[in-house]
Amino acid sequence: MNLSSRQRSHLKSLGHHLQPIISVGHQGVTPELSAEVGRMLETHELIKVKLQQTAPGERHALAEQLATSTEAALAAVVGRNALLYKRRDKDPAIKLPA
């Protein structure tokens, strides 16, 4: 999913107050972690993920890998936090600007 700069900015403003609910540690992006992130995205649509310093690889690459494995859009990587968005099929709560 490709987001425009306006949509990314909107999601970043919505995600600013969020606390990370998933943490990527020394094992990196595993199938189990991807499945859990997918479940969280289905529930919340927009989540913040903490990329620990012990995680293998570069933070932007890890965030991209996680977004790809969950078919989500990477809205932002700020510091060691990634903001992921995936529109819910039923009753989407977040309306993106055109």
PDB file of N, CA and C in Angstrom:
ATOM      1  N   MET A   1       0.842  -1.167   0.000  1.00  0.00           N
ATOM      2  CA  MET A   1       0.000   0.000   0.000  1.00  0.00           C
ATOM      3  C   MET A   1       0.895   1.239   0.000  1.00  0.00           C
ATOM      4  N   ASN A   2       0.673   2.114  -0.946  1.00  0.00           N
ATOM      5  CA  ASN A   2       1.434   3.355  -1.030  1.00  0.00           C
ATOM      6  C   ASN A   2       0.624   4.488  -0.430  1.00  0.00           C
ATOM      7  N   LEU A   3       1.273   5.267   0.418  1.00  0.00           N
ATOM      8  CA  LEU A   3       0.626   6.405   1.049  1.00  0.00           C
ATOM      9  C   LEU A   3       1.192   7.699   0.483  1.00  0.00           C
ATOM     10  N   SER A   4       0.333   8.686   0.319  1.00  0.00           N
ATOM     11  CA  SER A   4       0.810   9.998  -0.099  1.00  0.00           C
ATOM     12  C   SER A   4       1.438  10.687   1.118  1.00  0.00           C
ATOM     13  N   SER A   5       2.154  11.757   0.881  1.00  0.00           N
ATOM     14  CA  SER A   5       2.787  12.471   1.990  1.00  0.00           C
ATOM     15  C   SER A   5       1.724  13.056   2.926  1.00  0.00           C
ATOM     16  N   ARG A   6       0.599  13.471   2.368  1.00  0.00           N
ATOM     17  CA  ARG A   6      -0.492  13.987   3.193  1.00  0.00           C
ATOM     18  C   ARG A   6      -1.078  12.888   4.088  1.00  0.00           C
ATOM     19  N   GLN A   7      -1.243  11.693   3.529  1.00  0.00           N
ATOM     20  CA  GLN A   7      -1.762  10.569   4.309  1.00  0.00           C
ATOM     21  C   GLN A   7      -0.773  10.154   5.392  1.00  0.00           C
ATOM     22  N   ARG A   8       0.532  10.108   5.050  1.00  0.00           N
ATOM     23  CA  ARG A   8       1.547   9.779   6.049  1.00  0.00           C
ATOM     24  C   ARG A   8       1.550  10.793   7.186  1.00  0.00           C
ATOM     25  N   SER A   9       1.433  12.063   6.837  1.00  0.00           N
ATOM     26  CA  SER A   9       1.401  13.118   7.843  1.00  0.00           C
ATOM     27  C   SER A   9       0.187  12.969   8.762  1.00  0.00           C
ATOM     28  N   HIS A  10      -0.957  12.631   8.186  1.00  0.00           N
ATOM     29  CA  HIS A  10      -2.176  12.422   8.970  1.00  0.00           C
ATOM     30  C   HIS A  10      -1.992  11.244   9.935  1.00  0.00           C
ATOM     31  N   LEU A  11      -1.437  10.148   9.437  1.00  0.00           N
ATOM     32  CA  LEU A  11      -1.220   8.974  10.287  1.00  0.00           C
ATOM     33  C   LEU A  11      -0.193   9.259  11.382  1.00  0.00           C
ATOM     34  N   LYS A  12       0.846  10.017  11.057  1.00  0.00           N
ATOM     35  CA  LYS A  12       1.844  10.372  12.069  1.00  0.00           C
ATOM     36  C   LYS A  12       1.216  11.200  13.184  1.00  0.00           C
ATOM     37  N   SER A  13       0.296  12.103  12.832  1.00  0.00           N
ATOM     38  CA  SER A  13      -0.364  12.899  13.865  1.00  0.00           C
ATOM     39  C   SER A  13      -1.261  12.024  14.737  1.00  0.00           C
ATOM     40  N   LEU A  14      -1.931  11.044  14.133  1.00  0.00           N
ATOM     41  CA  LEU A  14      -2.769  10.131  14.913  1.00  0.00           C
ATOM     42  C   LEU A  14      -1.926   9.205  15.788  1.00  0.00           C
ATOM     43  N   GLY A  15      -0.757   8.823  15.305  1.00  0.00           N
ATOM     44  CA  GLY A  15       0.082   7.873  16.023  1.00  0.00           C
ATOM     45  C   GLY A  15       1.016   8.491  17.035  1.00  0.00           C
ATOM     46  N   HIS A  16       1.076   9.816  17.079  1.00  0.00           N
ATOM     47  CA  HIS A  16       2.023  10.490  17.977  1.00  0.00           C
ATOM     48  C   HIS A  16       1.837  10.083  19.434  1.00  0.00           C
ATOM     49  N   HIS A  17       0.603   9.985  19.881  1.00  0.00           N
ATOM     50  CA  HIS A  17       0.320   9.679  21.286  1.00  0.00           C
ATOM     51  C   HIS A  17       0.344   8.176  21.604  1.00  0.00           C
ATOM     52  N   LEU A  18       0.426   7.338  20.590  1.00  0.00           N
ATOM     53  CA  LEU A  18       0.388   5.894  20.817  1.00  0.00           C
ATOM     54  C   LEU A  18       1.655   5.391  21.504  1.00  0.00           C
ATOM     55  N   GLN A  19       1.482   4.362  22.310  1.00  0.00           N
ATOM     56  CA  GLN A  19       2.617   3.663  22.909  1.00  0.00           C
ATOM     57  C   GLN A  19       2.897   2.413  22.077  1.00  0.00           C
ATOM     58  N   PRO A  20       4.152   1.993  21.959  1.00  0.00           N
ATOM     59  CA  PRO A  20       4.452   0.761  21.218  1.00  0.00           C
ATOM     60  C   PRO A  20       3.771  -0.441  21.881  1.00  0.00           C
ATOM     61  N   ILE A  21       3.106  -1.263  21.060  1.00  0.00           N
ATOM     62  CA  ILE A  21       2.435  -2.443  21.606  1.00  0.00           C
ATOM     63  C   ILE A  21       3.132  -3.731  21.186  1.00  0.00           C
ATOM     64  N   ILE A  22       4.100  -3.623  20.291  1.00  0.00           N
ATOM     65  CA  ILE A  22       4.885  -4.761  19.833  1.00  0.00           C
ATOM     66  C   ILE A  22       6.350  -4.351  19.886  1.00  0.00           C
ATOM     67  N   SER A  23       7.213  -5.287  20.211  1.00  0.00           N
ATOM     68  CA  SER A  23       8.636  -5.002  20.270  1.00  0.00           C
ATOM     69  C   SER A  23       9.398  -6.034  19.435  1.00  0.00           C
ATOM     70  N   VAL A  24      10.288  -5.545  18.567  1.00  0.00           N
ATOM     71  CA  VAL A  24      11.126  -6.430  17.758  1.00  0.00           C
ATOM     72  C   VAL A  24      12.466  -6.528  18.466  1.00  0.00           C
ATOM     73  N   GLY A  25      12.811  -7.730  18.918  1.00  0.00           N
ATOM     74  CA  GLY A  25      14.029  -7.941  19.684  1.00  0.00           C
ATOM     75  C   GLY A  25      15.110  -8.658  18.911  1.00  0.00           C
ATOM     76  N   HIS A  26      15.919  -9.419  19.617  1.00  0.00           N
ATOM     77  CA  HIS A  26      17.111 -10.050  19.026  1.00  0.00           C
ATOM     78  C   HIS A  26      16.796 -11.116  17.983  1.00  0.00           C
ATOM     79  N   GLN A  27      15.588 -11.639  17.950  1.00  0.00           N
ATOM     80  CA  GLN A  27      15.235 -12.637  16.939  1.00  0.00           C
ATOM     81  C   GLN A  27      14.798 -12.000  15.623  1.00  0.00           C
ATOM     82  N   GLY A  28      14.567 -10.710  15.624  1.00  0.00           N
ATOM     83  CA  GLY A  28      14.169 -10.024  14.401  1.00  0.00           C
ATOM     84  C   GLY A  28      12.714 -10.272  14.056  1.00  0.00           C
ATOM     85  N   VAL A  29      12.409 -10.169  12.773  1.00  0.00           N
ATOM     86  CA  VAL A  29      11.039 -10.353  12.290  1.00  0.00           C
ATOM     87  C   VAL A  29      10.827 -11.833  11.990  1.00  0.00           C
ATOM     88  N   THR A  30      10.083 -12.495  12.855  1.00  0.00           N
ATOM     89  CA  THR A  30       9.791 -13.917  12.705  1.00  0.00           C
ATOM     90  C   THR A  30       8.360 -14.081  12.204  1.00  0.00           C
ATOM     91  N   PRO A  31       8.013 -15.263  11.699  1.00  0.00           N
ATOM     92  CA  PRO A  31       6.619 -15.495  11.285  1.00  0.00           C
ATOM     93  C   PRO A  31       5.619 -15.300  12.433  1.00  0.00           C
ATOM     94  N   GLU A  32       6.017 -15.678  13.637  1.00  0.00           N
ATOM     95  CA  GLU A  32       5.134 -15.515  14.791  1.00  0.00           C
ATOM     96  C   GLU A  32       4.906 -14.042  15.095  1.00  0.00           C
ATOM     97  N   LEU A  33       5.978 -13.247  15.021  1.00  0.00           N
ATOM     98  CA  LEU A  33       5.861 -11.817  15.260  1.00  0.00           C
ATOM     99  C   LEU A  33       4.983 -11.168  14.194  1.00  0.00           C
ATOM    100  N   SER A  34       5.176 -11.559  12.950  1.00  0.00           N
ATOM    101  CA  SER A  34       4.360 -11.023  11.857  1.00  0.00           C
ATOM    102  C   SER A  34       2.887 -11.362  12.057  1.00  0.00           C
ATOM    103  N   ALA A  35       2.605 -12.576  12.507  1.00  0.00           N
ATOM    104  CA  ALA A  35       1.211 -12.973  12.749  1.00  0.00           C
ATOM    105  C   ALA A  35       0.598 -12.132  13.863  1.00  0.00           C
ATOM    106  N   GLU A  36       1.360 -11.884  14.916  1.00  0.00           N
ATOM    107  CA  GLU A  36       0.851 -11.079  16.025  1.00  0.00           C
ATOM    108  C   GLU A  36       0.631  -9.624  15.593  1.00  0.00           C
ATOM    109  N   VAL A  37       1.547  -9.082  14.816  1.00  0.00           N
ATOM    110  CA  VAL A  37       1.390  -7.723  14.299  1.00  0.00           C
ATOM    111  C   VAL A  37       0.152  -7.655  13.406  1.00  0.00           C
ATOM    112  N   GLY A  38      -0.075  -8.676  12.588  1.00  0.00           N
ATOM    113  CA  GLY A  38      -1.271  -8.729  11.747  1.00  0.00           C
ATOM    114  C   GLY A  38      -2.545  -8.702  12.564  1.00  0.00           C
ATOM    115  N   ARG A  39      -2.560  -9.446  13.674  1.00  0.00           N
ATOM    116  CA  ARG A  39      -3.735  -9.440  14.562  1.00  0.00           C
ATOM    117  C   ARG A  39      -3.932  -8.059  15.192  1.00  0.00           C
ATOM    118  N   MET A  40      -2.849  -7.440  15.600  1.00  0.00           N
ATOM    119  CA  MET A  40      -2.942  -6.108  16.203  1.00  0.00           C
ATOM    120  C   MET A  40      -3.427  -5.069  15.187  1.00  0.00           C
ATOM    121  N   LEU A  41      -2.963  -5.180  13.960  1.00  0.00           N
ATOM    122  CA  LEU A  41      -3.405  -4.253  12.915  1.00  0.00           C
ATOM    123  C   LEU A  41      -4.884  -4.431  12.606  1.00  0.00           C
ATOM    124  N   GLU A  42      -5.364  -5.654  12.644  1.00  0.00           N
ATOM    125  CA  GLU A  42      -6.786  -5.904  12.399  1.00  0.00           C
ATOM    126  C   GLU A  42      -7.636  -5.269  13.502  1.00  0.00           C
ATOM    127  N   THR A  43      -7.123  -5.261  14.713  1.00  0.00           N
ATOM    128  CA  THR A  43      -7.847  -4.679  15.835  1.00  0.00           C
ATOM    129  C   THR A  43      -7.746  -3.160  15.859  1.00  0.00           C
ATOM    130  N   HIS A  44      -6.518  -2.626  15.666  1.00  0.00           N
ATOM    131  CA  HIS A  44      -6.282  -1.196  15.886  1.00  0.00           C
ATOM    132  C   HIS A  44      -6.095  -0.360  14.620  1.00  0.00           C
ATOM    133  N   GLU A  45      -5.791  -0.958  13.496  1.00  0.00           N
ATOM    134  CA  GLU A  45      -5.507  -0.305  12.217  1.00  0.00           C
ATOM    135  C   GLU A  45      -4.175   0.450  12.207  1.00  0.00           C
ATOM    136  N   LEU A  46      -3.839   1.143  13.269  1.00  0.00           N
ATOM    137  CA  LEU A  46      -2.603   1.923  13.351  1.00  0.00           C
ATOM    138  C   LEU A  46      -1.887   1.531  14.633  1.00  0.00           C
ATOM    139  N   ILE A  47      -0.664   1.019  14.489  1.00  0.00           N
ATOM    140  CA  ILE A  47       0.091   0.604  15.674  1.00  0.00           C
ATOM    141  C   ILE A  47       1.515   1.141  15.599  1.00  0.00           C
ATOM    142  N   LYS A  48       2.099   1.256  16.787  1.00  0.00           N
ATOM    143  CA  LYS A  48       3.492   1.661  16.902  1.00  0.00           C
ATOM    144  C   LYS A  48       4.289   0.441  17.361  1.00  0.00           C
ATOM    145  N   VAL A  49       5.409   0.200  16.691  1.00  0.00           N
ATOM    146  CA  VAL A  49       6.255  -0.957  16.974  1.00  0.00           C
ATOM    147  C   VAL A  49       7.623  -0.455  17.417  1.00  0.00           C
ATOM    148  N   LYS A  50       8.128  -0.983  18.519  1.00  0.00           N
ATOM    149  CA  LYS A  50       9.451  -0.620  19.031  1.00  0.00           C
ATOM    150  C   LYS A  50      10.495  -1.536  18.402  1.00  0.00           C
ATOM    151  N   LEU A  51      11.523  -0.954  17.811  1.00  0.00           N
ATOM    152  CA  LEU A  51      12.628  -1.708  17.218  1.00  0.00           C
ATOM    153  C   LEU A  51      13.809  -1.623  18.173  1.00  0.00           C
ATOM    154  N   GLN A  52      14.002  -2.680  18.943  1.00  0.00           N
ATOM    155  CA  GLN A  52      15.047  -2.695  19.965  1.00  0.00           C
ATOM    156  C   GLN A  52      16.442  -2.617  19.333  1.00  0.00           C
ATOM    157  N   GLN A  53      17.405  -2.137  20.105  1.00  0.00           N
ATOM    158  CA  GLN A  53      18.782  -2.063  19.609  1.00  0.00           C
ATOM    159  C   GLN A  53      19.375  -3.443  19.383  1.00  0.00           C
ATOM    160  N   THR A  54      18.837  -4.451  20.043  1.00  0.00           N
ATOM    161  CA  THR A  54      19.337  -5.810  19.876  1.00  0.00           C
ATOM    162  C   THR A  54      18.800  -6.487  18.624  1.00  0.00           C
ATOM    163  N   ALA A  55      17.844  -5.856  17.969  1.00  0.00           N
ATOM    164  CA  ALA A  55      17.253  -6.434  16.756  1.00  0.00           C
ATOM    165  C   ALA A  55      18.300  -6.471  15.645  1.00  0.00           C
ATOM    166  N   PRO A  56      18.375  -7.600  14.926  1.00  0.00           N
ATOM    167  CA  PRO A  56      19.384  -7.719  13.870  1.00  0.00           C
ATOM    168  C   PRO A  56      19.013  -6.892  12.641  1.00  0.00           C
ATOM    169  N   GLY A  57      19.915  -6.070  12.198  1.00  0.00           N
ATOM    170  CA  GLY A  57      19.662  -5.288  10.994  1.00  0.00           C
ATOM    171  C   GLY A  57      19.399  -3.828  11.293  1.00  0.00           C
ATOM    172  N   GLU A  58      19.222  -3.079  10.240  1.00  0.00           N
ATOM    173  CA  GLU A  58      19.007  -1.644  10.321  1.00  0.00           C
ATOM    174  C   GLU A  58      17.526  -1.377  10.557  1.00  0.00           C
ATOM    175  N   ARG A  59      17.203  -0.357  11.307  1.00  0.00           N
ATOM    176  CA  ARG A  59      15.822  -0.116  11.743  1.00  0.00           C
ATOM    177  C   ARG A  59      14.854   0.122  10.583  1.00  0.00           C
ATOM    178  N   HIS A  60      15.280   0.848   9.546  1.00  0.00           N
ATOM    179  CA  HIS A  60      14.391   1.079   8.403  1.00  0.00           C
ATOM    180  C   HIS A  60      14.116  -0.231   7.652  1.00  0.00           C
ATOM    181  N   ALA A  61      15.152  -1.055   7.519  1.00  0.00           N
ATOM    182  CA  ALA A  61      14.983  -2.345   6.837  1.00  0.00           C
ATOM    183  C   ALA A  61      14.060  -3.261   7.635  1.00  0.00           C
ATOM    184  N   LEU A  62      14.208  -3.262   8.954  1.00  0.00           N
ATOM    185  CA  LEU A  62      13.332  -4.082   9.799  1.00  0.00           C
ATOM    186  C   LEU A  62      11.880  -3.622   9.687  1.00  0.00           C
ATOM    187  N   ALA A  63      11.667  -2.317   9.698  1.00  0.00           N
ATOM    188  CA  ALA A  63      10.321  -1.782   9.590  1.00  0.00           C
ATOM    189  C   ALA A  63       9.701  -2.127   8.235  1.00  0.00           C
ATOM    190  N   GLU A  64      10.467  -2.015   7.169  1.00  0.00           N
ATOM    191  CA  GLU A  64       9.990  -2.384   5.830  1.00  0.00           C
ATOM    192  C   GLU A  64       9.647  -3.871   5.760  1.00  0.00           C
ATOM    193  N   GLN A  65      10.514  -4.700   6.346  1.00  0.00           N
ATOM    194  CA  GLN A  65      10.292  -6.146   6.345  1.00  0.00           C
ATOM    195  C   GLN A  65       9.001  -6.486   7.086  1.00  0.00           C
ATOM    196  N   LEU A  66       8.780  -5.839   8.212  1.00  0.00           N
ATOM    197  CA  LEU A  66       7.571  -6.091   8.995  1.00  0.00           C
ATOM    198  C   LEU A  66       6.329  -5.610   8.244  1.00  0.00           C
ATOM    199  N   ALA A  67       6.413  -4.461   7.606  1.00  0.00           N
ATOM    200  CA  ALA A  67       5.285  -3.948   6.829  1.00  0.00           C
ATOM    201  C   ALA A  67       4.971  -4.875   5.659  1.00  0.00           C
ATOM    202  N   THR A  68       5.985  -5.348   4.977  1.00  0.00           N
ATOM    203  CA  THR A  68       5.791  -6.254   3.844  1.00  0.00           C
ATOM    204  C   THR A  68       5.179  -7.573   4.292  1.00  0.00           C
ATOM    205  N   SER A  69       5.677  -8.117   5.392  1.00  0.00           N
ATOM    206  CA  SER A  69       5.189  -9.426   5.850  1.00  0.00           C
ATOM    207  C   SER A  69       3.744  -9.367   6.349  1.00  0.00           C
ATOM    208  N   THR A  70       3.273  -8.182   6.726  1.00  0.00           N
ATOM    209  CA  THR A  70       1.895  -8.052   7.210  1.00  0.00           C
ATOM    210  C   THR A  70       0.985  -7.354   6.200  1.00  0.00           C
ATOM    211  N   GLU A  71       1.525  -7.019   5.031  1.00  0.00           N
ATOM    212  CA  GLU A  71       0.787  -6.305   3.987  1.00  0.00           C
ATOM    213  C   GLU A  71       0.244  -4.977   4.505  1.00  0.00           C
ATOM    214  N   ALA A  72       1.043  -4.307   5.325  1.00  0.00           N
ATOM    215  CA  ALA A  72       0.673  -3.018   5.896  1.00  0.00           C
ATOM    216  C   ALA A  72       1.485  -1.915   5.230  1.00  0.00           C
ATOM    217  N   ALA A  73       1.092  -0.697   5.497  1.00  0.00           N
ATOM    218  CA  ALA A  73       1.832   0.458   4.997  1.00  0.00           C
ATOM    219  C   ALA A  73       2.702   0.991   6.122  1.00  0.00           C
ATOM    220  N   LEU A  74       3.932   1.299   5.797  1.00  0.00           N
ATOM    221  CA  LEU A  74       4.841   1.903   6.758  1.00  0.00           C
ATOM    222  C   LEU A  74       4.633   3.409   6.700  1.00  0.00           C
ATOM    223  N   ALA A  75       4.004   3.967   7.740  1.00  0.00           N
ATOM    224  CA  ALA A  75       3.705   5.398   7.757  1.00  0.00           C
ATOM    225  C   ALA A  75       4.920   6.217   8.155  1.00  0.00           C
ATOM    226  N   ALA A  76       5.744   5.697   9.076  1.00  0.00           N
ATOM    227  CA  ALA A  76       6.909   6.457   9.532  1.00  0.00           C
ATOM    228  C   ALA A  76       7.840   5.577  10.343  1.00  0.00           C
ATOM    229  N   VAL A  77       9.104   5.968  10.347  1.00  0.00           N
ATOM    230  CA  VAL A  77      10.091   5.421  11.274  1.00  0.00           C
ATOM    231  C   VAL A  77      10.700   6.631  11.971  1.00  0.00           C
ATOM    232  N   VAL A  78      10.429   6.752  13.266  1.00  0.00           N
ATOM    233  CA  VAL A  78      10.940   7.865  14.053  1.00  0.00           C
ATOM    234  C   VAL A  78      11.768   7.282  15.189  1.00  0.00           C
ATOM    235  N   GLY A  79      13.045   7.552  15.150  1.00  0.00           N
ATOM    236  CA  GLY A  79      13.923   6.962  16.146  1.00  0.00           C
ATOM    237  C   GLY A  79      13.912   5.456  15.993  1.00  0.00           C
ATOM    238  N   ARG A  80      13.603   4.764  17.052  1.00  0.00           N
ATOM    239  CA  ARG A  80      13.536   3.308  17.016  1.00  0.00           C
ATOM    240  C   ARG A  80      12.089   2.810  17.033  1.00  0.00           C
ATOM    241  N   ASN A  81      11.152   3.667  16.622  1.00  0.00           N
ATOM    242  CA  ASN A  81       9.737   3.303  16.553  1.00  0.00           C
ATOM    243  C   ASN A  81       9.268   3.349  15.107  1.00  0.00           C
ATOM    244  N   ALA A  82       8.462   2.359  14.745  1.00  0.00           N
ATOM    245  CA  ALA A  82       7.854   2.314  13.411  1.00  0.00           C
ATOM    246  C   ALA A  82       6.345   2.420  13.580  1.00  0.00           C
ATOM    247  N   LEU A  83       5.718   3.136  12.670  1.00  0.00           N
ATOM    248  CA  LEU A  83       4.275   3.307  12.681  1.00  0.00           C
ATOM    249  C   LEU A  83       3.707   2.566  11.480  1.00  0.00           C
ATOM    250  N   LEU A  84       2.880   1.550  11.737  1.00  0.00           N
ATOM    251  CA  LEU A  84       2.296   0.724  10.684  1.00  0.00           C
ATOM    252  C   LEU A  84       0.793   0.950  10.603  1.00  0.00           C
ATOM    253  N   TYR A  85       0.283   0.960   9.366  1.00  0.00           N
ATOM    254  CA  TYR A  85      -1.143   1.157   9.132  1.00  0.00           C
ATOM    255  C   TYR A  85      -1.652   0.103   8.162  1.00  0.00           C
ATOM    256  N   LYS A  86      -2.808  -0.457   8.497  1.00  0.00           N
ATOM    257  CA  LYS A  86      -3.494  -1.366   7.589  1.00  0.00           C
ATOM    258  C   LYS A  86      -4.990  -1.150   7.770  1.00  0.00           C
ATOM    259  N   ARG A  87      -5.644  -0.779   6.677  1.00  0.00           N
ATOM    260  CA  ARG A  87      -7.079  -0.497   6.728  1.00  0.00           C
ATOM    261  C   ARG A  87      -7.848  -1.767   7.054  1.00  0.00           C
ATOM    262  N   ARG A  88      -8.757  -1.651   8.001  1.00  0.00           N
ATOM    263  CA  ARG A  88      -9.600  -2.761   8.418  1.00  0.00           C
ATOM    264  C   ARG A  88     -10.680  -2.991   7.364  1.00  0.00           C
ATOM    265  N   ASP A  89     -10.984  -4.245   7.062  1.00  0.00           N
ATOM    266  CA  ASP A  89     -12.006  -4.574   6.073  1.00  0.00           C
ATOM    267  C   ASP A  89     -13.404  -4.168   6.546  1.00  0.00           C
ATOM    268  N   LYS A  90     -13.709  -4.466   7.811  1.00  0.00           N
ATOM    269  CA  LYS A  90     -15.020  -4.149   8.372  1.00  0.00           C
ATOM    270  C   LYS A  90     -14.899  -2.907   9.248  1.00  0.00           C
ATOM    271  N   ASP A  91     -15.739  -1.948   9.019  1.00  0.00           N
ATOM    272  CA  ASP A  91     -15.805  -0.724   9.835  1.00  0.00           C
ATOM    273  C   ASP A  91     -14.441  -0.069  10.061  1.00  0.00           C
ATOM    274  N   PRO A  92     -13.807   0.445   9.021  1.00  0.00           N
ATOM    275  CA  PRO A  92     -12.535   1.119   9.238  1.00  0.00           C
ATOM    276  C   PRO A  92     -12.727   2.360  10.126  1.00  0.00           C
ATOM    277  N   ALA A  93     -11.870   2.522  11.105  1.00  0.00           N
ATOM    278  CA  ALA A  93     -11.990   3.624  12.049  1.00  0.00           C
ATOM    279  C   ALA A  93     -11.249   4.868  11.572  1.00  0.00           C
ATOM    280  N   ILE A  94     -10.240   4.689  10.747  1.00  0.00           N
ATOM    281  CA  ILE A  94      -9.417   5.807  10.307  1.00  0.00           C
ATOM    282  C   ILE A  94      -9.779   6.180   8.871  1.00  0.00           C
ATOM    283  N   LYS A  95     -10.104   7.436   8.682  1.00  0.00           N
ATOM    284  CA  LYS A  95     -10.392   7.969   7.357  1.00  0.00           C
ATOM    285  C   LYS A  95      -9.165   8.726   6.875  1.00  0.00           C
ATOM    286  N   LEU A  96      -8.564   8.259   5.782  1.00  0.00           N
ATOM    287  CA  LEU A  96      -7.397   8.922   5.240  1.00  0.00           C
ATOM    288  C   LEU A  96      -7.806  10.063   4.321  1.00  0.00           C
ATOM    289  N   PRO A  97      -7.058  11.162   4.334  1.00  0.00           N
ATOM    290  CA  PRO A  97      -7.349  12.246   3.395  1.00  0.00           C
ATOM    291  C   PRO A  97      -7.059  11.794   1.963  1.00  0.00           C
ATOM    292  N   ALA A  98      -7.730  12.391   1.015  1.00  0.00           N
ATOM    293  CA  ALA A  98      -7.578  12.019  -0.392  1.00  0.00           C
ATOM    294  C   ALA A  98      -6.229  12.439  -0.939  1.00  0.00           C
TER     295      ALA A  98
END
